[in-house]
């Protein structure tokens, strides 16, 4: 269950990171409130997951999920370039997250 919470926390991190684009520097109220709620919930779930997952692994996986998801959604939603080099780095990043999980 801890890994499920950690994955949800990572997905929320993707949501708030992408949501920052819509806040216009926290000048748009609704996106700003949603981003703030996503940040708080994501960190809360990370803390709960870290009760049973070593913090080094939990935090690394959380950041990795957030980083990979944000890069992918940045390419899809905002037409940010996704080069072959970036794609290979994302694959390595995801492999590292899986490696952390199985090395526990």
PDB file of N, CA and C in Angstrom:
ATOM      1  N   UNK A   1       0.820  -1.207   0.000  1.00  0.00           N
ATOM      2  CA  UNK A   1       0.000   0.000   0.000  1.00  0.00           C
ATOM      3  C   UNK A   1       0.858   1.264   0.000  1.00  0.00           C
ATOM      4  N   UNK A   2       2.020   1.197   0.650  1.00  0.00           N
ATOM      5  CA  UNK A   2       2.896   2.364   0.695  1.00  0.00           C
ATOM      6  C   UNK A   2       3.360   2.781  -0.699  1.00  0.00           C
ATOM      7  N   UNK A   3       3.635   1.781  -1.545  1.00  0.00           N
ATOM      8  CA  UNK A   3       4.069   2.113  -2.906  1.00  0.00           C
ATOM      9  C   UNK A   3       2.931   2.724  -3.717  1.00  0.00           C
ATOM     10  N   UNK A   4       1.727   2.287  -3.480  1.00  0.00           N
ATOM     11  CA  UNK A   4       0.575   2.892  -4.169  1.00  0.00           C
ATOM     12  C   UNK A   4       0.451   4.359  -3.763  1.00  0.00           C
ATOM     13  N   UNK A   5       0.572   4.635  -2.467  1.00  0.00           N
ATOM     14  CA  UNK A   5       0.518   6.022  -1.997  1.00  0.00           C
ATOM     15  C   UNK A   5       1.651   6.848  -2.573  1.00  0.00           C
ATOM     16  N   UNK A   6       2.824   6.246  -2.672  1.00  0.00           N
ATOM     17  CA  UNK A   6       3.972   6.959  -3.233  1.00  0.00           C
ATOM     18  C   UNK A   6       3.765   7.272  -4.712  1.00  0.00           C
ATOM     19  N   UNK A   7       3.199   6.347  -5.446  1.00  0.00           N
ATOM     20  CA  UNK A   7       2.911   6.586  -6.868  1.00  0.00           C
ATOM     21  C   UNK A   7       1.872   7.692  -7.015  1.00  0.00           C
ATOM     22  N   UNK A   8       0.845   7.661  -6.185  1.00  0.00           N
ATOM     23  CA  UNK A   8      -0.165   8.733  -6.219  1.00  0.00           C
ATOM     24  C   UNK A   8       0.486  10.075  -5.886  1.00  0.00           C
ATOM     25  N   UNK A   9       1.364  10.076  -4.886  1.00  0.00           N
ATOM     26  CA  UNK A   9       2.077  11.304  -4.527  1.00  0.00           C
ATOM     27  C   UNK A   9       2.910  11.813  -5.694  1.00  0.00           C
ATOM     28  N   UNK A  10       3.569  10.895  -6.404  1.00  0.00           N
ATOM     29  CA  UNK A  10       4.363  11.281  -7.574  1.00  0.00           C
ATOM     30  C   UNK A  10       3.500  11.842  -8.690  1.00  0.00           C
ATOM     31  N   UNK A  11       2.344  11.239  -8.900  1.00  0.00           N
ATOM     32  CA  UNK A  11       1.434  11.744  -9.931  1.00  0.00           C
ATOM     33  C   UNK A  11       0.882  13.119  -9.555  1.00  0.00           C
ATOM     34  N   UNK A  12       0.631  13.314  -8.276  1.00  0.00           N
ATOM     35  CA  UNK A  12       0.201  14.641  -7.826  1.00  0.00           C
ATOM     36  C   UNK A  12       1.312  15.666  -8.024  1.00  0.00           C
ATOM     37  N   UNK A  13       2.556  15.228  -7.858  1.00  0.00           N
ATOM     38  CA  UNK A  13       3.673  16.129  -8.118  1.00  0.00           C
ATOM     39  C   UNK A  13       3.691  16.550  -9.581  1.00  0.00           C
ATOM     40  N   UNK A  14       3.427  15.606 -10.464  1.00  0.00           N
ATOM     41  CA  UNK A  14       3.326  15.943 -11.889  1.00  0.00           C
ATOM     42  C   UNK A  14       2.209  16.976 -12.087  1.00  0.00           C
ATOM     43  N   UNK A  15       1.077  16.729 -11.443  1.00  0.00           N
ATOM     44  CA  UNK A  15      -0.062  17.640 -11.584  1.00  0.00           C
ATOM     45  C   UNK A  15       0.239  19.044 -11.121  1.00  0.00           C
ATOM     46  N   UNK A  16       0.888  19.175  -9.948  1.00  0.00           N
ATOM     47  CA  UNK A  16       1.145  20.532  -9.478  1.00  0.00           C
ATOM     48  C   UNK A  16       2.260  21.201 -10.270  1.00  0.00           C
ATOM     49  N   UNK A  17       3.240  20.417 -10.719  1.00  0.00           N
ATOM     50  CA  UNK A  17       4.317  21.021 -11.519  1.00  0.00           C
ATOM     51  C   UNK A  17       3.782  21.554 -12.840  1.00  0.00           C
ATOM     52  N   UNK A  18       2.952  20.764 -13.501  1.00  0.00           N
ATOM     53  CA  UNK A  18       2.340  21.215 -14.755  1.00  0.00           C
ATOM     54  C   UNK A  18       1.358  22.352 -14.469  1.00  0.00           C
ATOM     55  N   UNK A  19       0.633  22.242 -13.365  1.00  0.00           N
ATOM     56  CA  UNK A  19      -0.325  23.271 -12.992  1.00  0.00           C
ATOM     57  C   UNK A  19       0.293  24.638 -12.767  1.00  0.00           C
ATOM     58  N   UNK A  20       1.582  24.661 -12.420  1.00  0.00           N
ATOM     59  CA  UNK A  20       2.248  25.954 -12.223  1.00  0.00           C
ATOM     60  C   UNK A  20       2.167  26.824 -13.479  1.00  0.00           C
ATOM     61  N   UNK A  21       2.165  26.195 -14.643  1.00  0.00           N
ATOM     62  CA  UNK A  21       2.045  26.951 -15.901  1.00  0.00           C
ATOM     63  C   UNK A  21       0.734  27.731 -15.953  1.00  0.00           C
ATOM     64  N   UNK A  22      -0.296  27.178 -15.343  1.00  0.00           N
ATOM     65  CA  UNK A  22      -1.627  27.784 -15.414  1.00  0.00           C
ATOM     66  C   UNK A  22      -1.884  28.810 -14.307  1.00  0.00           C
ATOM     67  N   UNK A  23      -1.014  28.863 -13.305  1.00  0.00           N
ATOM     68  CA  UNK A  23      -1.229  29.809 -12.206  1.00  0.00           C
ATOM     69  C   UNK A  23      -0.837  31.234 -12.575  1.00  0.00           C
ATOM     70  N   UNK A  24      -0.039  31.382 -13.630  1.00  0.00           N
ATOM     71  CA  UNK A  24       0.467  32.699 -14.042  1.00  0.00           C
ATOM     72  C   UNK A  24       1.144  33.388 -12.859  1.00  0.00           C
ATOM     73  N   UNK A  25       2.096  32.678 -12.261  1.00  0.00           N
ATOM     74  CA  UNK A  25       2.804  33.239 -11.122  1.00  0.00           C
ATOM     75  C   UNK A  25       1.928  33.405  -9.895  1.00  0.00           C
ATOM     76  N   UNK A  26       0.973  32.509  -9.726  1.00  0.00           N
ATOM     77  CA  UNK A  26      -0.007  32.532  -8.636  1.00  0.00           C
ATOM     78  C   UNK A  26      -0.916  33.759  -8.689  1.00  0.00           C
ATOM     79  N   UNK A  27      -1.155  34.249  -9.903  1.00  0.00           N
ATOM     80  CA  UNK A  27      -2.104  35.359 -10.071  1.00  0.00           C
ATOM     81  C   UNK A  27      -3.497  34.865 -10.449  1.00  0.00           C
ATOM     82  N   UNK A  28      -3.612  33.631 -10.931  1.00  0.00           N
ATOM     83  CA  UNK A  28      -4.918  33.036 -11.246  1.00  0.00           C
ATOM     84  C   UNK A  28      -5.367  32.203 -10.047  1.00  0.00           C
ATOM     85  N   UNK A  29      -6.491  32.579  -9.458  1.00  0.00           N
ATOM     86  CA  UNK A  29      -6.923  32.003  -8.184  1.00  0.00           C
ATOM     87  C   UNK A  29      -7.179  30.500  -8.243  1.00  0.00           C
ATOM     88  N   UNK A  30      -8.026  30.052  -9.157  1.00  0.00           N
ATOM     89  CA  UNK A  30      -8.425  28.636  -9.161  1.00  0.00           C
ATOM     90  C   UNK A  30      -7.220  27.715  -9.409  1.00  0.00           C
ATOM     91  N   UNK A  31      -6.426  27.954 -10.454  1.00  0.00           N
ATOM     92  CA  UNK A  31      -5.255  27.081 -10.611  1.00  0.00           C
ATOM     93  C   UNK A  31      -4.296  27.163  -9.426  1.00  0.00           C
ATOM     94  N   UNK A  32      -4.164  28.319  -8.825  1.00  0.00           N
ATOM     95  CA  UNK A  32      -3.265  28.477  -7.672  1.00  0.00           C
ATOM     96  C   UNK A  32      -3.739  27.657  -6.482  1.00  0.00           C
ATOM     97  N   UNK A  33      -5.038  27.657  -6.237  1.00  0.00           N
ATOM     98  CA  UNK A  33      -5.597  26.868  -5.136  1.00  0.00           C
ATOM     99  C   UNK A  33      -5.416  25.381  -5.423  1.00  0.00           C
ATOM    100  N   UNK A  34      -5.687  24.963  -6.646  1.00  0.00           N
ATOM    101  CA  UNK A  34      -5.543  23.549  -7.003  1.00  0.00           C
ATOM    102  C   UNK A  34      -4.089  23.096  -6.889  1.00  0.00           C
ATOM    103  N   UNK A  35      -3.166  23.930  -7.346  1.00  0.00           N
ATOM    104  CA  UNK A  35      -1.745  23.599  -7.239  1.00  0.00           C
ATOM    105  C   UNK A  35      -1.342  23.493  -5.777  1.00  0.00           C
ATOM    106  N   UNK A  36      -1.794  24.420  -4.952  1.00  0.00           N
ATOM    107  CA  UNK A  36      -1.459  24.395  -3.523  1.00  0.00           C
ATOM    108  C   UNK A  36      -1.997  23.135  -2.850  1.00  0.00           C
ATOM    109  N   UNK A  37      -3.215  22.742  -3.194  1.00  0.00           N
ATOM    110  CA  UNK A  37      -3.792  21.504  -2.640  1.00  0.00           C
ATOM    111  C   UNK A  37      -3.018  20.273  -3.114  1.00  0.00           C
ATOM    112  N   UNK A  38      -2.628  20.273  -4.373  1.00  0.00           N
ATOM    113  CA  UNK A  38      -1.867  19.142  -4.914  1.00  0.00           C
ATOM    114  C   UNK A  38      -0.505  19.040  -4.241  1.00  0.00           C
ATOM    115  N   UNK A  39       0.148  20.185  -3.998  1.00  0.00           N
ATOM    116  CA  UNK A  39       1.445  20.178  -3.314  1.00  0.00           C
ATOM    117  C   UNK A  39       1.290  19.586  -1.912  1.00  0.00           C
ATOM    118  N   UNK A  40       0.327  20.095  -1.169  1.00  0.00           N
ATOM    119  CA  UNK A  40       0.131  19.638   0.208  1.00  0.00           C
ATOM    120  C   UNK A  40      -0.207  18.149   0.261  1.00  0.00           C
ATOM    121  N   UNK A  41      -1.087  17.708  -0.627  1.00  0.00           N
ATOM    122  CA  UNK A  41      -1.487  16.305  -0.647  1.00  0.00           C
ATOM    123  C   UNK A  41      -0.320  15.410  -1.062  1.00  0.00           C
ATOM    124  N   UNK A  42       0.427  15.848  -2.056  1.00  0.00           N
ATOM    125  CA  UNK A  42       1.565  15.075  -2.527  1.00  0.00           C
ATOM    126  C   UNK A  42       2.601  14.881  -1.424  1.00  0.00           C
ATOM    127  N   UNK A  43       2.926  15.948  -0.717  1.00  0.00           N
ATOM    128  CA  UNK A  43       3.916  15.850   0.360  1.00  0.00           C
ATOM    129  C   UNK A  43       3.373  15.012   1.518  1.00  0.00           C
ATOM    130  N   UNK A  44       2.097  15.163   1.827  1.00  0.00           N
ATOM    131  CA  UNK A  44       1.482  14.347   2.881  1.00  0.00           C
ATOM    132  C   UNK A  44       1.583  12.865   2.529  1.00  0.00           C
ATOM    133  N   UNK A  45       1.222  12.503   1.294  1.00  0.00           N
ATOM    134  CA  UNK A  45       1.277  11.098   0.881  1.00  0.00           C
ATOM    135  C   UNK A  45       2.710  10.578   0.871  1.00  0.00           C
ATOM    136  N   UNK A  46       3.661  11.426   0.476  1.00  0.00           N
ATOM    137  CA  UNK A  46       5.074  11.044   0.540  1.00  0.00           C
ATOM    138  C   UNK A  46       5.455  10.721   1.986  1.00  0.00           C
ATOM    139  N   UNK A  47       5.041  11.567   2.915  1.00  0.00           N
ATOM    140  CA  UNK A  47       5.359  11.348   4.329  1.00  0.00           C
ATOM    141  C   UNK A  47       4.743  10.058   4.847  1.00  0.00           C
ATOM    142  N   UNK A  48       3.507   9.785   4.449  1.00  0.00           N
ATOM    143  CA  UNK A  48       2.846   8.548   4.891  1.00  0.00           C
ATOM    144  C   UNK A  48       3.562   7.332   4.300  1.00  0.00           C
ATOM    145  N   UNK A  49       3.900   7.406   3.019  1.00  0.00           N
ATOM    146  CA  UNK A  49       4.599   6.285   2.377  1.00  0.00           C
ATOM    147  C   UNK A  49       5.969   6.060   3.015  1.00  0.00           C
ATOM    148  N   UNK A  50       6.610   7.142   3.437  1.00  0.00           N
ATOM    149  CA  UNK A  50       7.955   7.041   4.020  1.00  0.00           C
ATOM    150  C   UNK A  50       7.948   6.378   5.393  1.00  0.00           C
ATOM    151  N   UNK A  51       6.783   6.133   5.947  1.00  0.00           N
ATOM    152  CA  UNK A  51       6.716   5.360   7.198  1.00  0.00           C
ATOM    153  C   UNK A  51       7.212   3.931   6.987  1.00  0.00           C
ATOM    154  N   UNK A  52       6.994   3.410   5.765  1.00  0.00           N
ATOM    155  CA  UNK A  52       7.313   2.011   5.485  1.00  0.00           C
ATOM    156  C   UNK A  52       8.350   1.834   4.383  1.00  0.00           C
ATOM    157  N   UNK A  53       8.695   2.899   3.691  1.00  0.00           N
ATOM    158  CA  UNK A  53       9.701   2.852   2.633  1.00  0.00           C
ATOM    159  C   UNK A  53      10.849   3.741   3.102  1.00  0.00           C
ATOM    160  N   UNK A  54      12.091   3.275   2.993  1.00  0.00           N
ATOM    161  CA  UNK A  54      13.204   4.129   3.388  1.00  0.00           C
ATOM    162  C   UNK A  54      13.135   5.495   2.676  1.00  0.00           C
ATOM    163  N   UNK A  55      13.422   6.563   3.420  1.00  0.00           N
ATOM    164  CA  UNK A  55      13.227   7.905   2.891  1.00  0.00           C
ATOM    165  C   UNK A  55      14.053   8.167   1.628  1.00  0.00           C
ATOM    166  N   UNK A  56      15.262   7.638   1.573  1.00  0.00           N
ATOM    167  CA  UNK A  56      16.088   7.838   0.380  1.00  0.00           C
ATOM    168  C   UNK A  56      15.439   7.253  -0.866  1.00  0.00           C
ATOM    169  N   UNK A  57      14.834   6.097  -0.715  1.00  0.00           N
ATOM    170  CA  UNK A  57      14.156   5.452  -1.836  1.00  0.00           C
ATOM    171  C   UNK A  57      12.836   6.164  -2.136  1.00  0.00           C
ATOM    172  N   UNK A  58      12.070   6.468  -1.085  1.00  0.00           N
ATOM    173  CA  UNK A  58      10.768   7.120  -1.278  1.00  0.00           C
ATOM    174  C   UNK A  58      10.932   8.478  -1.961  1.00  0.00           C
ATOM    175  N   UNK A  59      11.854   9.280  -1.463  1.00  0.00           N
ATOM    176  CA  UNK A  59      12.032  10.618  -2.022  1.00  0.00           C
ATOM    177  C   UNK A  59      12.553  10.540  -3.455  1.00  0.00           C
ATOM    178  N   UNK A  60      13.510   9.654  -3.695  1.00  0.00           N
ATOM    179  CA  UNK A  60      14.050   9.511  -5.049  1.00  0.00           C
ATOM    180  C   UNK A  60      12.985   9.066  -6.041  1.00  0.00           C
ATOM    181  N   UNK A  61      12.154   8.122  -5.632  1.00  0.00           N
ATOM    182  CA  UNK A  61      11.078   7.657  -6.510  1.00  0.00           C
ATOM    183  C   UNK A  61      10.063   8.761  -6.745  1.00  0.00           C
ATOM    184  N   UNK A  62       9.712   9.499  -5.698  1.00  0.00           N
ATOM    185  CA  UNK A  62       8.748  10.606  -5.803  1.00  0.00           C
ATOM    186  C   UNK A  62       9.242  11.654  -6.789  1.00  0.00           C
ATOM    187  N   UNK A  63      10.497  12.050  -6.619  1.00  0.00           N
ATOM    188  CA  UNK A  63      11.081  13.049  -7.514  1.00  0.00           C
ATOM    189  C   UNK A  63      11.169  12.506  -8.942  1.00  0.00           C
ATOM    190  N   UNK A  64      11.569  11.245  -9.068  1.00  0.00           N
ATOM    191  CA  UNK A  64      11.704  10.649 -10.400  1.00  0.00           C
ATOM    192  C   UNK A  64      10.387  10.567 -11.140  1.00  0.00           C
ATOM    193  N   UNK A  65       9.336  10.144 -10.444  1.00  0.00           N
ATOM    194  CA  UNK A  65       8.006  10.087 -11.057  1.00  0.00           C
ATOM    195  C   UNK A  65       7.584  11.492 -11.472  1.00  0.00           C
ATOM    196  N   UNK A  66       7.800  12.442 -10.579  1.00  0.00           N
ATOM    197  CA  UNK A  66       7.427  13.831 -10.883  1.00  0.00           C
ATOM    198  C   UNK A  66       8.196  14.396 -12.061  1.00  0.00           C
ATOM    199  N   UNK A  67       9.496  14.161 -12.079  1.00  0.00           N
ATOM    200  CA  UNK A  67      10.325  14.693 -13.160  1.00  0.00           C
ATOM    201  C   UNK A  67       9.962  14.069 -14.505  1.00  0.00           C
ATOM    202  N   UNK A  68       9.858  12.749 -14.525  1.00  0.00           N
ATOM    203  CA  UNK A  68       9.540  12.061 -15.783  1.00  0.00           C
ATOM    204  C   UNK A  68       8.158  12.463 -16.299  1.00  0.00           C
ATOM    205  N   UNK A  69       7.184  12.462 -15.407  1.00  0.00           N
ATOM    206  CA  UNK A  69       5.828  12.826 -15.818  1.00  0.00           C
ATOM    207  C   UNK A  69       5.727  14.265 -16.292  1.00  0.00           C
ATOM    208  N   UNK A  70       6.466  15.158 -15.628  1.00  0.00           N
ATOM    209  CA  UNK A  70       6.430  16.566 -16.022  1.00  0.00           C
ATOM    210  C   UNK A  70       7.063  16.782 -17.389  1.00  0.00           C
ATOM    211  N   UNK A  71       8.155  16.095 -17.654  1.00  0.00           N
ATOM    212  CA  UNK A  71       8.790  16.205 -18.975  1.00  0.00           C
ATOM    213  C   UNK A  71       7.850  15.691 -20.056  1.00  0.00           C
ATOM    214  N   UNK A  72       7.222  14.552 -19.791  1.00  0.00           N
ATOM    215  CA  UNK A  72       6.314  13.966 -20.787  1.00  0.00           C
ATOM    216  C   UNK A  72       5.105  14.870 -21.018  1.00  0.00           C
ATOM    217  N   UNK A  73       4.476  15.342 -19.950  1.00  0.00           N
ATOM    218  CA  UNK A  73       3.316  16.228 -20.126  1.00  0.00           C
ATOM    219  C   UNK A  73       3.712  17.583 -20.705  1.00  0.00           C
ATOM    220  N   UNK A  74       4.911  18.048 -20.388  1.00  0.00           N
ATOM    221  CA  UNK A  74       5.390  19.291 -21.005  1.00  0.00           C
ATOM    222  C   UNK A  74       5.464  19.152 -22.514  1.00  0.00           C
ATOM    223  N   UNK A  75       5.909  17.993 -22.975  1.00  0.00           N
ATOM    224  CA  UNK A  75       5.985  17.742 -24.414  1.00  0.00           C
ATOM    225  C   UNK A  75       4.588  17.640 -25.033  1.00  0.00           C
ATOM    226  N   UNK A  76       3.688  16.969 -24.335  1.00  0.00           N
ATOM    227  CA  UNK A  76       2.337  16.757 -24.866  1.00  0.00           C
ATOM    228  C   UNK A  76       1.493  18.036 -24.813  1.00  0.00           C
ATOM    229  N   UNK A  77       1.476  18.685 -23.657  1.00  0.00           N
ATOM    230  CA  UNK A  77       0.580  19.829 -23.464  1.00  0.00           C
ATOM    231  C   UNK A  77       1.136  21.150 -23.986  1.00  0.00           C
ATOM    232  N   UNK A  78       2.453  21.322 -23.854  1.00  0.00           N
ATOM    233  CA  UNK A  78       3.042  22.619 -24.171  1.00  0.00           C
ATOM    234  C   UNK A  78       3.981  22.567 -25.367  1.00  0.00           C
ATOM    235  N   UNK A  79       4.003  21.431 -26.048  1.00  0.00           N
ATOM    236  CA  UNK A  79       4.829  21.251 -27.247  1.00  0.00           C
ATOM    237  C   UNK A  79       6.310  21.504 -26.975  1.00  0.00           C
ATOM    238  N   UNK A  80       6.750  21.196 -25.739  1.00  0.00           N
ATOM    239  CA  UNK A  80       8.171  21.319 -25.420  1.00  0.00           C
ATOM    240  C   UNK A  80       8.915  20.210 -26.152  1.00  0.00           C
ATOM    241  N   UNK A  81      10.123  20.494 -26.637  1.00  0.00           N
ATOM    242  CA  UNK A  81      10.850  19.478 -27.413  1.00  0.00           C
ATOM    243  C   UNK A  81      11.199  18.257 -26.572  1.00  0.00           C
ATOM    244  N   UNK A  82      11.043  17.091 -27.179  1.00  0.00           N
ATOM    245  CA  UNK A  82      11.393  15.826 -26.539  1.00  0.00           C
ATOM    246  C   UNK A  82      12.359  15.101 -27.477  1.00  0.00           C
ATOM    247  N   UNK A  83      13.633  15.371 -27.292  1.00  0.00           N
ATOM    248  CA  UNK A  83      14.666  14.821 -28.165  1.00  0.00           C
ATOM    249  C   UNK A  83      14.924  13.354 -27.833  1.00  0.00           C
ATOM    250  N   UNK A  84      15.693  12.723 -28.688  1.00  0.00           N
ATOM    251  CA  UNK A  84      16.089  11.344 -28.455  1.00  0.00           C
ATOM    252  C   UNK A  84      16.906  11.262 -27.160  1.00  0.00           C
ATOM    253  N   UNK A  85      17.775  12.217 -26.939  1.00  0.00           N
ATOM    254  CA  UNK A  85      18.587  12.228 -25.730  1.00  0.00           C
ATOM    255  C   UNK A  85      17.714  12.344 -24.475  1.00  0.00           C
ATOM    256  N   UNK A  86      16.720  13.242 -24.500  1.00  0.00           N
ATOM    257  CA  UNK A  86      15.802  13.365 -23.357  1.00  0.00           C
ATOM    258  C   UNK A  86      15.035  12.067 -23.145  1.00  0.00           C
ATOM    259  N   UNK A  87      14.582  11.468 -24.225  1.00  0.00           N
ATOM    260  CA  UNK A  87      13.834  10.214 -24.128  1.00  0.00           C
ATOM    261  C   UNK A  87      14.677   9.112 -23.503  1.00  0.00           C
ATOM    262  N   UNK A  88      15.929   9.010 -23.909  1.00  0.00           N
ATOM    263  CA  UNK A  88      16.820   8.002 -23.329  1.00  0.00           C
ATOM    264  C   UNK A  88      17.057   8.271 -21.842  1.00  0.00           C
ATOM    265  N   UNK A  89      17.203   9.528 -21.491  1.00  0.00           N
ATOM    266  CA  UNK A  89      17.388   9.878 -20.075  1.00  0.00           C
ATOM    267  C   UNK A  89      16.147   9.525 -19.259  1.00  0.00           C
ATOM    268  N   UNK A  90      14.964   9.726 -19.829  1.00  0.00           N
ATOM    269  CA  UNK A  90      13.730   9.347 -19.130  1.00  0.00           C
ATOM    270  C   UNK A  90      13.668   7.843 -18.911  1.00  0.00           C
ATOM    271  N   UNK A  91      14.087   7.086 -19.899  1.00  0.00           N
ATOM    272  CA  UNK A  91      14.102   5.624 -19.764  1.00  0.00           C
ATOM    273  C   UNK A  91      15.071   5.222 -18.648  1.00  0.00           C
ATOM    274  N   UNK A  92      16.235   5.856 -18.613  1.00  0.00           N
ATOM    275  CA  UNK A  92      17.206   5.566 -17.551  1.00  0.00           C
ATOM    276  C   UNK A  92      16.632   5.942 -16.194  1.00  0.00           C
ATOM    277  N   UNK A  93      15.965   7.093 -16.126  1.00  0.00           N
ATOM    278  CA  UNK A  93      15.362   7.544 -14.874  1.00  0.00           C
ATOM    279  C   UNK A  93      14.307   6.553 -14.380  1.00  0.00           C
ATOM    280  N   UNK A  94      13.434   6.125 -15.276  1.00  0.00           N
ATOM    281  CA  UNK A  94      12.401   5.153 -14.891  1.00  0.00           C
ATOM    282  C   UNK A  94      13.008   3.818 -14.490  1.00  0.00           C
ATOM    283  N   UNK A  95      14.079   3.418 -15.181  1.00  0.00           N
ATOM    284  CA  UNK A  95      14.772   2.177 -14.810  1.00  0.00           C
ATOM    285  C   UNK A  95      15.387   2.314 -13.414  1.00  0.00           C
ATOM    286  N   UNK A  96      15.900   3.492 -13.103  1.00  0.00           N
ATOM    287  CA  UNK A  96      16.480   3.720 -11.775  1.00  0.00           C
ATOM    288  C   UNK A  96      15.400   3.641 -10.693  1.00  0.00           C
ATOM    289  N   UNK A  97      14.219   4.161 -10.962  1.00  0.00           N
ATOM    290  CA  UNK A  97      13.127   4.072  -9.991  1.00  0.00           C
ATOM    291  C   UNK A  97      12.749   2.611  -9.741  1.00  0.00           C
ATOM    292  N   UNK A  98      12.627   1.851 -10.800  1.00  0.00           N
ATOM    293  CA  UNK A  98      12.318   0.426 -10.655  1.00  0.00           C
ATOM    294  C   UNK A  98      13.450  -0.261  -9.892  1.00  0.00           C
ATOM    295  N   UNK A  99      14.692   0.088 -10.207  1.00  0.00           N
ATOM    296  CA  UNK A  99      15.831  -0.493  -9.504  1.00  0.00           C
ATOM    297  C   UNK A  99      15.806  -0.194  -8.023  1.00  0.00           C
ATOM    298  N   UNK A 100      15.432   1.040  -7.660  1.00  0.00           N
ATOM    299  CA  UNK A 100      15.315   1.398  -6.254  1.00  0.00           C
ATOM    300  C   UNK A 100      14.243   0.558  -5.563  1.00  0.00           C
ATOM    301  N   UNK A 101      13.129   0.365  -6.265  1.00  0.00           N
ATOM    302  CA  UNK A 101      12.041  -0.403  -5.659  1.00  0.00           C
ATOM    303  C   UNK A 101      12.457  -1.848  -5.398  1.00  0.00           C
ATOM    304  N   UNK A 102      13.118  -2.445  -6.355  1.00  0.00           N
ATOM    305  CA  UNK A 102      13.451  -3.861  -6.175  1.00  0.00           C
ATOM    306  C   UNK A 102      14.692  -4.070  -5.293  1.00  0.00           C
ATOM    307  N   UNK A 103      15.465  -2.999  -5.061  1.00  0.00           N
ATOM    308  CA  UNK A 103      16.658  -3.147  -4.222  1.00  0.00           C
ATOM    309  C   UNK A 103      16.353  -2.980  -2.742  1.00  0.00           C
ATOM    310  N   UNK A 104      15.155  -2.608  -2.417  1.00  0.00           N
ATOM    311  CA  UNK A 104      14.709  -2.353  -1.050  1.00  0.00           C
ATOM    312  C   UNK A 104      15.136  -3.454  -0.154  1.00  0.00           C
TER     313      UNK A 104
END
